[in-house]
Amino acid sequence: MRRLIRLWIPVVLMLSMISCAENNQSPSDSSDYFDVAAFFNSESDRLRKSGYRLEKTFEWDGGAETKTLDTPDWKSELEPFEKSTLGKNPSMLYFADSVRNGDSWIIIYHAKDSATALRKMIVYGNTADPDSILIVRAVSNMYYKASDTLFYSGSGFSMNVSNDSRAGKDAGFRLEGKIITPN
């Protein structure tokens, strides 16, 4: 009996040390989720290095203005997209669905909770790289309701923004950007 106890004591100690060891891994592996910030960082670098120009059209209540930028600051132009991340632990906040058909694929992220500002993200791809991204954000509280729809593809982007104020004037605008090849 003593011999059996002496054999089990080291085993029990070893098992208790393993179970108490610090776990440096997050509860869910976010590497399976699309890294929005990394994608738009690389896109802004690619566009900057290529020398592409940008034609921006800004539309608001009863007005519109178009401007062509020969050397746009791509980092700031794509910032609203880059900041639309899924967060540090996306599996806690979003349902993820994906479909693949040959080389084409779609990944759809749906917010699990209506309080999450980023409500939906759809990433379309062909082969290994994404070719377009749709982002829908919405916030609603006692002061206002706001919704943004952002769309990006290799040829340009658009942003539709609306703010419905409960106390003041409603506001909204549309911004469209066309990526133009260098001269």
C-alpha atoms as a PDB file:
ATOM      1  CA  MET A   1       0.000   0.000   0.000  1.00  0.00           C
ATOM      2  CA  ARG A   2       2.819   2.425   0.893  1.00  0.00           C
ATOM      3  CA  ARG A   3       4.540   1.604  -2.329  1.00  0.00           C
ATOM      4  CA  LEU A   4       1.355   2.411  -4.287  1.00  0.00           C
ATOM      5  CA  ILE A   5       1.018   5.757  -2.480  1.00  0.00           C
ATOM      6  CA  ARG A   6       4.673   6.635  -3.230  1.00  0.00           C
ATOM      7  CA  LEU A   7       4.041   5.918  -6.903  1.00  0.00           C
ATOM      8  CA  TRP A   8       0.897   8.041  -7.104  1.00  0.00           C
ATOM      9  CA  ILE A   9       2.202  11.103  -5.230  1.00  0.00           C
ATOM     10  CA  PRO A  10       4.561  12.219  -8.073  1.00  0.00           C
ATOM     11  CA  VAL A  11       1.852  11.560 -10.654  1.00  0.00           C
ATOM     12  CA  VAL A  12      -0.697  13.656  -8.739  1.00  0.00           C
ATOM     13  CA  LEU A  13       1.865  16.461  -8.212  1.00  0.00           C
ATOM     14  CA  MET A  14       2.776  16.487 -11.886  1.00  0.00           C
ATOM     15  CA  LEU A  15      -0.872  16.590 -12.970  1.00  0.00           C
ATOM     16  CA  SER A  16      -1.647  19.434 -10.564  1.00  0.00           C
ATOM     17  CA  MET A  17       1.334  21.455 -11.855  1.00  0.00           C
ATOM     18  CA  ILE A  18       0.203  20.975 -15.451  1.00  0.00           C
ATOM     19  CA  SER A  19      -3.356  22.029 -14.670  1.00  0.00           C
ATOM     20  CA  CYS A  20      -2.165  25.153 -12.816  1.00  0.00           C
ATOM     21  CA  ALA A  21       0.262  26.231 -15.537  1.00  0.00           C
ATOM     22  CA  GLU A  22      -0.420  29.638 -17.070  1.00  0.00           C
ATOM     23  CA  ASN A  23      -2.209  29.521 -20.391  1.00  0.00           C
ATOM     24  CA  ASN A  24      -0.927  32.286 -22.654  1.00  0.00           C
ATOM     25  CA  GLN A  25      -3.343  31.427 -25.453  1.00  0.00           C
ATOM     26  CA  SER A  26      -6.534  33.412 -25.847  1.00  0.00           C
ATOM     27  CA  PRO A  27      -9.777  31.471 -25.339  1.00  0.00           C
ATOM     28  CA  SER A  28     -10.307  31.331 -29.077  1.00  0.00           C
ATOM     29  CA  ASP A  29      -7.843  31.436 -31.888  1.00  0.00           C
ATOM     30  CA  SER A  30      -8.449  34.675 -33.805  1.00  0.00           C
ATOM     31  CA  SER A  31      -6.015  33.690 -36.557  1.00  0.00           C
ATOM     32  CA  ASP A  32      -8.947  32.195 -38.486  1.00  0.00           C
ATOM     33  CA  TYR A  33     -10.613  35.607 -38.670  1.00  0.00           C
ATOM     34  CA  PHE A  34      -9.872  38.145 -41.400  1.00  0.00           C
ATOM     35  CA  ASP A  35      -7.372  40.794 -40.240  1.00  0.00           C
ATOM     36  CA  VAL A  36      -8.928  44.004 -41.548  1.00  0.00           C
ATOM     37  CA  ALA A  37      -6.198  46.305 -40.219  1.00  0.00           C
ATOM     38  CA  ALA A  38      -3.390  44.278 -41.799  1.00  0.00           C
ATOM     39  CA  PHE A  39      -5.206  44.113 -45.139  1.00  0.00           C
ATOM     40  CA  PHE A  40      -5.800  47.879 -45.354  1.00  0.00           C
ATOM     41  CA  ASN A  41      -2.276  48.646 -44.132  1.00  0.00           C
ATOM     42  CA  SER A  42      -0.885  46.593 -47.000  1.00  0.00           C
ATOM     43  CA  GLU A  43      -3.408  48.119 -49.446  1.00  0.00           C
ATOM     44  CA  SER A  44      -2.427  51.672 -48.492  1.00  0.00           C
ATOM     45  CA  ASP A  45       1.268  50.756 -48.924  1.00  0.00           C
ATOM     46  CA  ARG A  46       0.567  49.123 -52.301  1.00  0.00           C
ATOM     47  CA  LEU A  47      -1.442  52.100 -53.565  1.00  0.00           C
ATOM     48  CA  ARG A  48       1.151  54.610 -52.319  1.00  0.00           C
ATOM     49  CA  LYS A  49       4.036  52.768 -53.987  1.00  0.00           C
ATOM     50  CA  SER A  50       2.152  52.342 -57.270  1.00  0.00           C
ATOM     51  CA  GLY A  51       1.501  56.070 -57.707  1.00  0.00           C
ATOM     52  CA  TYR A  52      -2.261  55.708 -58.166  1.00  0.00           C
ATOM     53  CA  ARG A  53      -4.358  58.864 -58.088  1.00  0.00           C
ATOM     54  CA  LEU A  54      -7.759  59.239 -56.430  1.00  0.00           C
ATOM     55  CA  GLU A  55     -10.938  60.889 -57.672  1.00  0.00           C
ATOM     56  CA  LYS A  56     -13.241  61.638 -54.736  1.00  0.00           C
ATOM     57  CA  THR A  57     -16.881  62.616 -55.008  1.00  0.00           C
ATOM     58  CA  PHE A  58     -18.577  63.903 -51.880  1.00  0.00           C
ATOM     59  CA  GLU A  59     -22.394  64.128 -51.942  1.00  0.00           C
ATOM     60  CA  TRP A  60     -24.568  65.611 -49.225  1.00  0.00           C
ATOM     61  CA  ASP A  61     -28.021  67.152 -48.890  1.00  0.00           C
ATOM     62  CA  GLY A  62     -28.474  68.904 -52.204  1.00  0.00           C
ATOM     63  CA  GLY A  63     -24.829  69.208 -53.135  1.00  0.00           C
ATOM     64  CA  ALA A  64     -21.888  67.391 -54.613  1.00  0.00           C
ATOM     65  CA  GLU A  65     -18.204  68.064 -55.115  1.00  0.00           C
ATOM     66  CA  THR A  66     -15.582  66.102 -57.046  1.00  0.00           C
ATOM     67  CA  LYS A  67     -11.845  66.445 -56.587  1.00  0.00           C
ATOM     68  CA  THR A  68      -8.872  64.558 -58.028  1.00  0.00           C
ATOM     69  CA  LEU A  69      -5.858  63.971 -55.790  1.00  0.00           C
ATOM     70  CA  ASP A  70      -2.581  63.297 -57.602  1.00  0.00           C
ATOM     71  CA  THR A  71      -0.759  62.096 -54.468  1.00  0.00           C
ATOM     72  CA  PRO A  72      -3.402  60.989 -51.976  1.00  0.00           C
ATOM     73  CA  ASP A  73      -2.551  60.001 -48.424  1.00  0.00           C
ATOM     74  CA  TRP A  74      -3.791  56.427 -48.782  1.00  0.00           C
ATOM     75  CA  LYS A  75      -3.367  55.698 -45.085  1.00  0.00           C
ATOM     76  CA  SER A  76      -5.893  58.393 -44.127  1.00  0.00           C
ATOM     77  CA  GLU A  77      -8.184  57.649 -47.113  1.00  0.00           C
ATOM     78  CA  LEU A  78      -8.540  53.997 -46.035  1.00  0.00           C
ATOM     79  CA  GLU A  79      -8.548  54.692 -42.285  1.00  0.00           C
ATOM     80  CA  PRO A  80     -12.330  54.209 -41.807  1.00  0.00           C
ATOM     81  CA  PHE A  81     -11.945  50.725 -43.284  1.00  0.00           C
ATOM     82  CA  GLU A  82      -8.835  49.910 -41.264  1.00  0.00           C
ATOM     83  CA  LYS A  83     -10.545  50.902 -38.002  1.00  0.00           C
ATOM     84  CA  SER A  84     -13.482  48.576 -38.691  1.00  0.00           C
ATOM     85  CA  THR A  85     -11.835  45.620 -36.997  1.00  0.00           C
ATOM     86  CA  LEU A  86     -13.502  42.573 -35.521  1.00  0.00           C
ATOM     87  CA  GLY A  87     -11.784  43.165 -32.162  1.00  0.00           C
ATOM     88  CA  LYS A  88      -9.303  41.174 -30.111  1.00  0.00           C
ATOM     89  CA  ASN A  89     -11.526  38.136 -29.587  1.00  0.00           C
ATOM     90  CA  PRO A  90     -13.831  37.979 -32.618  1.00  0.00           C
ATOM     91  CA  SER A  91     -15.302  34.560 -31.894  1.00  0.00           C
ATOM     92  CA  MET A  92     -16.951  36.019 -28.787  1.00  0.00           C
ATOM     93  CA  LEU A  93     -18.610  38.825 -30.789  1.00  0.00           C
ATOM     94  CA  TYR A  94     -19.320  37.401 -34.257  1.00  0.00           C
ATOM     95  CA  PHE A  95     -20.763  34.414 -36.021  1.00  0.00           C
ATOM     96  CA  ALA A  96     -18.665  33.470 -39.042  1.00  0.00           C
ATOM     97  CA  ASP A  97     -19.949  31.749 -42.178  1.00  0.00           C
ATOM     98  CA  SER A  98     -17.965  30.980 -45.293  1.00  0.00           C
ATOM     99  CA  VAL A  99     -18.611  29.595 -48.745  1.00  0.00           C
ATOM    100  CA  ARG A 100     -16.063  28.463 -51.315  1.00  0.00           C
ATOM    101  CA  ASN A 101     -16.728  27.774 -54.974  1.00  0.00           C
ATOM    102  CA  GLY A 102     -13.555  26.887 -56.855  1.00  0.00           C
ATOM    103  CA  ASP A 103     -11.146  29.789 -56.379  1.00  0.00           C
ATOM    104  CA  SER A 104     -13.902  32.195 -55.273  1.00  0.00           C
ATOM    105  CA  TRP A 105     -14.864  32.521 -51.624  1.00  0.00           C
ATOM    106  CA  ILE A 106     -17.000  34.605 -49.287  1.00  0.00           C
ATOM    107  CA  ILE A 107     -16.645  35.066 -45.538  1.00  0.00           C
ATOM    108  CA  ILE A 108     -19.540  36.661 -43.646  1.00  0.00           C
ATOM    109  CA  TYR A 109     -19.276  37.919 -40.067  1.00  0.00           C
ATOM    110  CA  HIS A 110     -22.519  38.704 -38.191  1.00  0.00           C
ATOM    111  CA  ALA A 111     -22.539  40.411 -34.798  1.00  0.00           C
ATOM    112  CA  LYS A 112     -23.947  38.187 -32.059  1.00  0.00           C
ATOM    113  CA  ASP A 113     -25.244  41.208 -30.139  1.00  0.00           C
ATOM    114  CA  SER A 114     -27.063  44.268 -31.510  1.00  0.00           C
ATOM    115  CA  ALA A 115     -24.972  46.483 -29.209  1.00  0.00           C
ATOM    116  CA  THR A 116     -21.846  45.682 -31.249  1.00  0.00           C
ATOM    117  CA  ALA A 117     -21.130  48.657 -33.537  1.00  0.00           C
ATOM    118  CA  LEU A 118     -19.768  46.573 -36.412  1.00  0.00           C
ATOM    119  CA  ARG A 119     -22.879  44.644 -37.382  1.00  0.00           C
ATOM    120  CA  LYS A 120     -21.731  42.797 -40.482  1.00  0.00           C
ATOM    121  CA  MET A 121     -18.645  42.307 -42.613  1.00  0.00           C
ATOM    122  CA  ILE A 122     -18.563  40.427 -45.898  1.00  0.00           C
ATOM    123  CA  VAL A 123     -15.199  39.626 -47.462  1.00  0.00           C
ATOM    124  CA  TYR A 124     -15.216  38.450 -51.078  1.00  0.00           C
ATOM    125  CA  GLY A 125     -12.143  36.800 -52.499  1.00  0.00           C
ATOM    126  CA  ASN A 126     -10.677  35.135 -55.508  1.00  0.00           C
ATOM    127  CA  THR A 127      -7.763  32.725 -55.046  1.00  0.00           C
ATOM    128  CA  ALA A 128      -5.892  33.717 -51.868  1.00  0.00           C
ATOM    129  CA  ASP A 129      -6.561  37.463 -51.773  1.00  0.00           C
ATOM    130  CA  PRO A 130      -9.698  39.419 -50.936  1.00  0.00           C
ATOM    131  CA  ASP A 131     -11.007  41.481 -53.842  1.00  0.00           C
ATOM    132  CA  SER A 132     -13.800  43.410 -52.104  1.00  0.00           C
ATOM    133  CA  ILE A 133     -15.094  44.066 -48.599  1.00  0.00           C
ATOM    134  CA  LEU A 134     -18.484  45.292 -47.378  1.00  0.00           C
ATOM    135  CA  ILE A 135     -18.732  46.658 -43.827  1.00  0.00           C
ATOM    136  CA  VAL A 136     -21.957  47.659 -42.068  1.00  0.00           C
ATOM    137  CA  ARG A 137     -21.748  49.577 -38.791  1.00  0.00           C
ATOM    138  CA  ALA A 138     -24.648  50.841 -36.705  1.00  0.00           C
ATOM    139  CA  VAL A 139     -25.077  52.567 -33.367  1.00  0.00           C
ATOM    140  CA  SER A 140     -28.331  53.387 -31.655  1.00  0.00           C
ATOM    141  CA  ASN A 141     -28.806  55.138 -28.331  1.00  0.00           C
ATOM    142  CA  MET A 142     -31.162  57.652 -26.755  1.00  0.00           C
ATOM    143  CA  TYR A 143     -29.534  60.583 -28.612  1.00  0.00           C
ATOM    144  CA  TYR A 144     -29.134  59.322 -32.173  1.00  0.00           C
ATOM    145  CA  LYS A 145     -29.098  56.426 -34.608  1.00  0.00           C
ATOM    146  CA  ALA A 146     -26.136  56.169 -36.938  1.00  0.00           C
ATOM    147  CA  SER A 147     -25.401  53.746 -39.723  1.00  0.00           C
ATOM    148  CA  ASP A 148     -22.403  53.469 -42.030  1.00  0.00           C
ATOM    149  CA  THR A 149     -22.000  51.233 -45.053  1.00  0.00           C
ATOM    150  CA  LEU A 150     -18.463  50.979 -46.375  1.00  0.00           C
ATOM    151  CA  PHE A 151     -17.474  49.149 -49.531  1.00  0.00           C
ATOM    152  CA  TYR A 152     -13.967  48.617 -50.884  1.00  0.00           C
ATOM    153  CA  SER A 153     -12.716  46.962 -54.045  1.00  0.00           C
ATOM    154  CA  GLY A 154      -9.474  47.226 -55.963  1.00  0.00           C
ATOM    155  CA  SER A 155     -10.976  49.921 -58.212  1.00  0.00           C
ATOM    156  CA  GLY A 156     -12.368  52.189 -55.515  1.00  0.00           C
ATOM    157  CA  PHE A 157     -14.438  52.621 -52.387  1.00  0.00           C
ATOM    158  CA  SER A 158     -17.675  54.137 -51.139  1.00  0.00           C
ATOM    159  CA  MET A 159     -18.994  55.254 -47.769  1.00  0.00           C
ATOM    160  CA  ASN A 160     -22.653  55.936 -47.038  1.00  0.00           C
ATOM    161  CA  VAL A 161     -23.164  57.578 -43.658  1.00  0.00           C
ATOM    162  CA  SER A 162     -26.444  58.595 -42.024  1.00  0.00           C
ATOM    163  CA  ASN A 163     -27.085  60.060 -38.588  1.00  0.00           C
ATOM    164  CA  ASP A 164     -30.655  60.365 -37.367  1.00  0.00           C
ATOM    165  CA  SER A 165     -30.616  62.744 -34.431  1.00  0.00           C
ATOM    166  CA  ARG A 166     -33.415  62.537 -31.885  1.00  0.00           C
ATOM    167  CA  ALA A 167     -32.978  66.184 -30.907  1.00  0.00           C
ATOM    168  CA  GLY A 168     -31.503  67.994 -33.907  1.00  0.00           C
ATOM    169  CA  LYS A 169     -31.185  67.863 -37.646  1.00  0.00           C
ATOM    170  CA  ASP A 170     -30.500  64.558 -39.373  1.00  0.00           C
ATOM    171  CA  ALA A 171     -27.293  64.370 -41.394  1.00  0.00           C
ATOM    172  CA  GLY A 172     -25.865  62.074 -44.003  1.00  0.00           C
ATOM    173  CA  PHE A 173     -23.424  61.920 -46.860  1.00  0.00           C
ATOM    174  CA  ARG A 174     -21.949  59.682 -49.501  1.00  0.00           C
ATOM    175  CA  LEU A 175     -18.273  59.577 -50.357  1.00  0.00           C
ATOM    176  CA  GLU A 176     -17.081  57.719 -53.419  1.00  0.00           C
ATOM    177  CA  GLY A 177     -13.452  57.228 -54.367  1.00  0.00           C
ATOM    178  CA  LYS A 178     -12.233  55.957 -57.739  1.00  0.00           C
ATOM    179  CA  ILE A 179      -8.677  54.695 -57.942  1.00  0.00           C
ATOM    180  CA  ILE A 180      -7.077  56.049 -61.111  1.00  0.00           C
ATOM    181  CA  THR A 181      -3.988  54.571 -62.741  1.00  0.00           C
ATOM    182  CA  PRO A 182      -0.959  56.904 -62.884  1.00  0.00           C
ATOM    183  CA  ASN A 183      -0.337  59.003 -65.996  1.00  0.00           C
END
